[in-house]
C-alpha atoms as a PDB file:
ATOM      1  CA  MET A   1      -0.432  43.018 -55.555  1.00  0.00           C
ATOM      2  CA  LEU A   2      -3.366  44.763 -53.991  1.00  0.00           C
ATOM      3  CA  LYS A   3      -4.894  41.230 -52.935  1.00  0.00           C
ATOM      4  CA  ILE A   4      -1.593  39.977 -51.031  1.00  0.00           C
ATOM      5  CA  PHE A   5      -1.297  43.445 -49.166  1.00  0.00           C
ATOM      6  CA  VAL A   6      -5.203  43.165 -47.953  1.00  0.00           C
ATOM      7  CA  LEU A   7      -4.559  39.480 -47.027  1.00  0.00           C
ATOM      8  CA  MET A   8      -1.459  40.208 -45.276  1.00  0.00           C
ATOM      9  CA  SER A   9      -3.489  43.691 -43.131  1.00  0.00           C
ATOM     10  CA  PHE A  10      -6.078  40.981 -42.083  1.00  0.00           C
ATOM     11  CA  MET A  11      -3.396  38.430 -41.073  1.00  0.00           C
ATOM     12  CA  GLY A  12      -1.983  41.242 -39.204  1.00  0.00           C
ATOM     13  CA  SER A  13      -4.748  42.096 -37.482  1.00  0.00           C
ATOM     14  CA  LEU A  14      -5.979  38.534 -36.476  1.00  0.00           C
ATOM     15  CA  LEU A  15      -2.390  37.768 -35.081  1.00  0.00           C
ATOM     16  CA  PHE A  16      -2.989  41.055 -33.043  1.00  0.00           C
ATOM     17  CA  ALA A  17      -6.533  39.830 -31.917  1.00  0.00           C
ATOM     18  CA  LEU A  18      -4.916  36.572 -30.617  1.00  0.00           C
ATOM     19  CA  ASP A  19      -1.923  38.297 -29.004  1.00  0.00           C
ATOM     20  CA  SER A  20      -4.086  40.139 -26.438  1.00  0.00           C
ATOM     21  CA  TYR A  21      -6.335  38.307 -26.234  1.00  0.00           C
ATOM     22  CA  GLN A  22      -6.939  38.053 -22.535  1.00  0.00           C
ATOM     23  CA  VAL A  23      -7.833  35.833 -19.408  1.00  0.00           C
ATOM     24  CA  ALA A  24      -9.631  36.355 -16.644  1.00  0.00           C
ATOM     25  CA  PHE A  25      -9.963  34.595 -13.785  1.00  0.00           C
ATOM     26  CA  GLU A  26     -10.525  34.171  -9.757  1.00  0.00           C
ATOM     27  CA  THR A  27      -7.915  34.330  -7.308  1.00  0.00           C
ATOM     28  CA  THR A  28      -8.108  32.378  -4.036  1.00  0.00           C
ATOM     29  CA  GLU A  29      -5.453  32.851  -1.490  1.00  0.00           C
ATOM     30  CA  CYS A  30      -4.665  30.104   0.976  1.00  0.00           C
ATOM     31  CA  SER A  31      -5.766  31.984   3.838  1.00  0.00           C
ATOM     32  CA  GLY A  32      -9.342  32.339   1.696  1.00  0.00           C
ATOM     33  CA  GLU A  33      -9.613  35.154   0.393  1.00  0.00           C
ATOM     34  CA  SER A  34     -10.847  35.646  -2.690  1.00  0.00           C
ATOM     35  CA  GLY A  35     -10.218  38.024  -5.926  1.00  0.00           C
ATOM     36  CA  PHE A  36     -10.066  38.606  -9.515  1.00  0.00           C
ATOM     37  CA  ALA A  37      -7.664  39.112 -12.306  1.00  0.00           C
ATOM     38  CA  THR A  38      -7.392  39.278 -16.054  1.00  0.00           C
ATOM     39  CA  VAL A  39      -3.969  38.517 -17.268  1.00  0.00           C
ATOM     40  CA  THR A  40      -2.690  38.610 -21.381  1.00  0.00           C
ATOM     41  CA  ILE A  41      -2.569  34.786 -22.670  1.00  0.00           C
ATOM     42  CA  GLU A  42       0.936  34.899 -23.723  1.00  0.00           C
ATOM     43  CA  SER A  43       2.268  35.980 -20.267  1.00  0.00           C
ATOM     44  CA  ILE A  44       0.871  32.874 -18.873  1.00  0.00           C
ATOM     45  CA  ASP A  45       4.280  30.695 -18.098  1.00  0.00           C
ATOM     46  CA  LYS A  46       3.708  27.624 -15.615  1.00  0.00           C
ATOM     47  CA  ILE A  47       0.854  26.149 -13.742  1.00  0.00           C
ATOM     48  CA  GLN A  48       2.035  24.339 -10.696  1.00  0.00           C
ATOM     49  CA  SER A  49       0.843  23.320  -7.062  1.00  0.00           C
ATOM     50  CA  ALA A  50       0.559  26.167  -4.249  1.00  0.00           C
ATOM     51  CA  GLY A  51       1.343  23.432  -1.665  1.00  0.00           C
ATOM     52  CA  CYS A  52      -1.662  25.141   0.422  1.00  0.00           C
ATOM     53  CA  LEU A  53      -5.340  23.731   0.753  1.00  0.00           C
ATOM     54  CA  HIS A  54      -8.368  25.849   0.849  1.00  0.00           C
ATOM     55  CA  GLU A  55     -11.455  24.180   2.768  1.00  0.00           C
ATOM     56  CA  GLY A  56     -10.306  20.646   1.712  1.00  0.00           C
ATOM     57  CA  LYS A  57      -8.708  21.211  -2.021  1.00  0.00           C
ATOM     58  CA  LYS A  58      -5.540  22.030  -3.148  1.00  0.00           C
ATOM     59  CA  LEU A  59      -4.505  25.323  -4.818  1.00  0.00           C
ATOM     60  CA  GLN A  60      -2.440  25.863  -7.672  1.00  0.00           C
ATOM     61  CA  LYS A  61      -0.286  28.579  -8.613  1.00  0.00           C
ATOM     62  CA  LEU A  62       0.018  30.419 -12.323  1.00  0.00           C
ATOM     63  CA  LEU A  63       2.874  32.198 -12.962  1.00  0.00           C
ATOM     64  CA  VAL A  64       2.745  35.154 -15.146  1.00  0.00           C
ATOM     65  CA  ARG A  65       5.568  37.166 -17.434  1.00  0.00           C
ATOM     66  CA  LYS A  66       5.320  40.752 -15.804  1.00  0.00           C
ATOM     67  CA  GLY A  67       8.957  42.300 -17.408  1.00  0.00           C
ATOM     68  CA  ASN A  68      11.928  40.837 -15.972  1.00  0.00           C
ATOM     69  CA  THR A  69       9.563  39.053 -13.135  1.00  0.00           C
ATOM     70  CA  TYR A  70       7.206  37.065 -12.202  1.00  0.00           C
ATOM     71  CA  ALA A  71       3.338  37.749 -10.389  1.00  0.00           C
ATOM     72  CA  THR A  72       2.108  34.411  -9.129  1.00  0.00           C
ATOM     73  CA  TYR A  73      -1.979  33.998  -8.911  1.00  0.00           C
ATOM     74  CA  THR A  74      -3.317  31.393  -6.374  1.00  0.00           C
ATOM     75  CA  LEU A  75      -6.493  29.257  -8.080  1.00  0.00           C
ATOM     76  CA  THR A  76      -8.749  26.608  -7.395  1.00  0.00           C
ATOM     77  CA  TYR A  77      -7.912  23.373  -9.139  1.00  0.00           C
ATOM     78  CA  ASP A  78     -10.943  24.083 -11.156  1.00  0.00           C
ATOM     79  CA  GLU A  79     -10.223  27.644 -12.046  1.00  0.00           C
ATOM     80  CA  ALA A  80      -6.323  26.547 -13.289  1.00  0.00           C
ATOM     81  CA  LYS A  81      -8.613  23.759 -15.401  1.00  0.00           C
ATOM     82  CA  MET A  82     -10.228  26.537 -16.978  1.00  0.00           C
ATOM     83  CA  VAL A  83      -7.376  28.685 -17.392  1.00  0.00           C
ATOM     84  CA  MET A  84      -5.163  26.048 -18.951  1.00  0.00           C
ATOM     85  CA  GLN A  85      -8.335  25.071 -20.869  1.00  0.00           C
ATOM     86  CA  ASP A  86      -8.426  28.602 -22.135  1.00  0.00           C
ATOM     87  CA  VAL A  87      -4.369  28.599 -23.169  1.00  0.00           C
ATOM     88  CA  LYS A  88      -4.728  25.245 -24.761  1.00  0.00           C
ATOM     89  CA  LEU A  89      -7.920  27.125 -27.386  1.00  0.00           C
ATOM     90  CA  TYR A  90      -5.670  30.001 -27.897  1.00  0.00           C
ATOM     91  CA  ASN A  91      -2.791  27.698 -29.229  1.00  0.00           C
ATOM     92  CA  ARG A  92      -5.264  25.755 -31.524  1.00  0.00           C
ATOM     93  CA  ALA A  93      -6.297  28.603 -33.009  1.00  0.00           C
ATOM     94  CA  ARG A  94      -3.224  30.075 -33.502  1.00  0.00           C
ATOM     95  CA  LEU A  95      -1.799  27.188 -35.069  1.00  0.00           C
ATOM     96  CA  GLN A  96      -4.653  26.438 -37.434  1.00  0.00           C
ATOM     97  CA  MET A  97      -4.337  30.093 -38.376  1.00  0.00           C
ATOM     98  CA  MET A  98      -0.652  29.901 -39.091  1.00  0.00           C
ATOM     99  CA  GLN A  99      -0.912  26.427 -41.006  1.00  0.00           C
ATOM    100  CA  SER A 100      -4.272  27.889 -43.419  1.00  0.00           C
ATOM    101  CA  ALA A 101      -2.024  31.289 -43.972  1.00  0.00           C
ATOM    102  CA  ASN A 102      -0.449  31.335 -47.286  1.00  0.00           C
ATOM    103  CA  THR A 103       2.095  33.960 -45.560  1.00  0.00           C
ATOM    104  CA  LEU A 104       4.846  33.688 -43.211  1.00  0.00           C
ATOM    105  CA  VAL A 105       4.001  34.814 -39.830  1.00  0.00           C
ATOM    106  CA  ILE A 106       7.056  35.380 -37.350  1.00  0.00           C
ATOM    107  CA  THR A 107       6.507  36.284 -34.001  1.00  0.00           C
ATOM    108  CA  LYS A 108       8.912  37.244 -30.953  1.00  0.00           C
END
């Protein structure tokens, strides 16, 4: 019984670590202003065209859930691509963890 509790505690800790994973990225506005932001990976909903250019390159919009609304961040295409790679790696790690676990994991 103790072994099961320890395993479940470990899995719970691992899930907490994955759920609180943060993604940091550089923002670039259509006007050319730049900045920096960090969001939880679970709050990212969509990446789409921002409809503007900066230095001849298309910019992307990152939509992030903030409670009942969305925050929008504007990124270069390359920065958006790196965020998407982070999301894919996170999803693969989470899937691998759930497949290798001998417990049922239910998330919201």
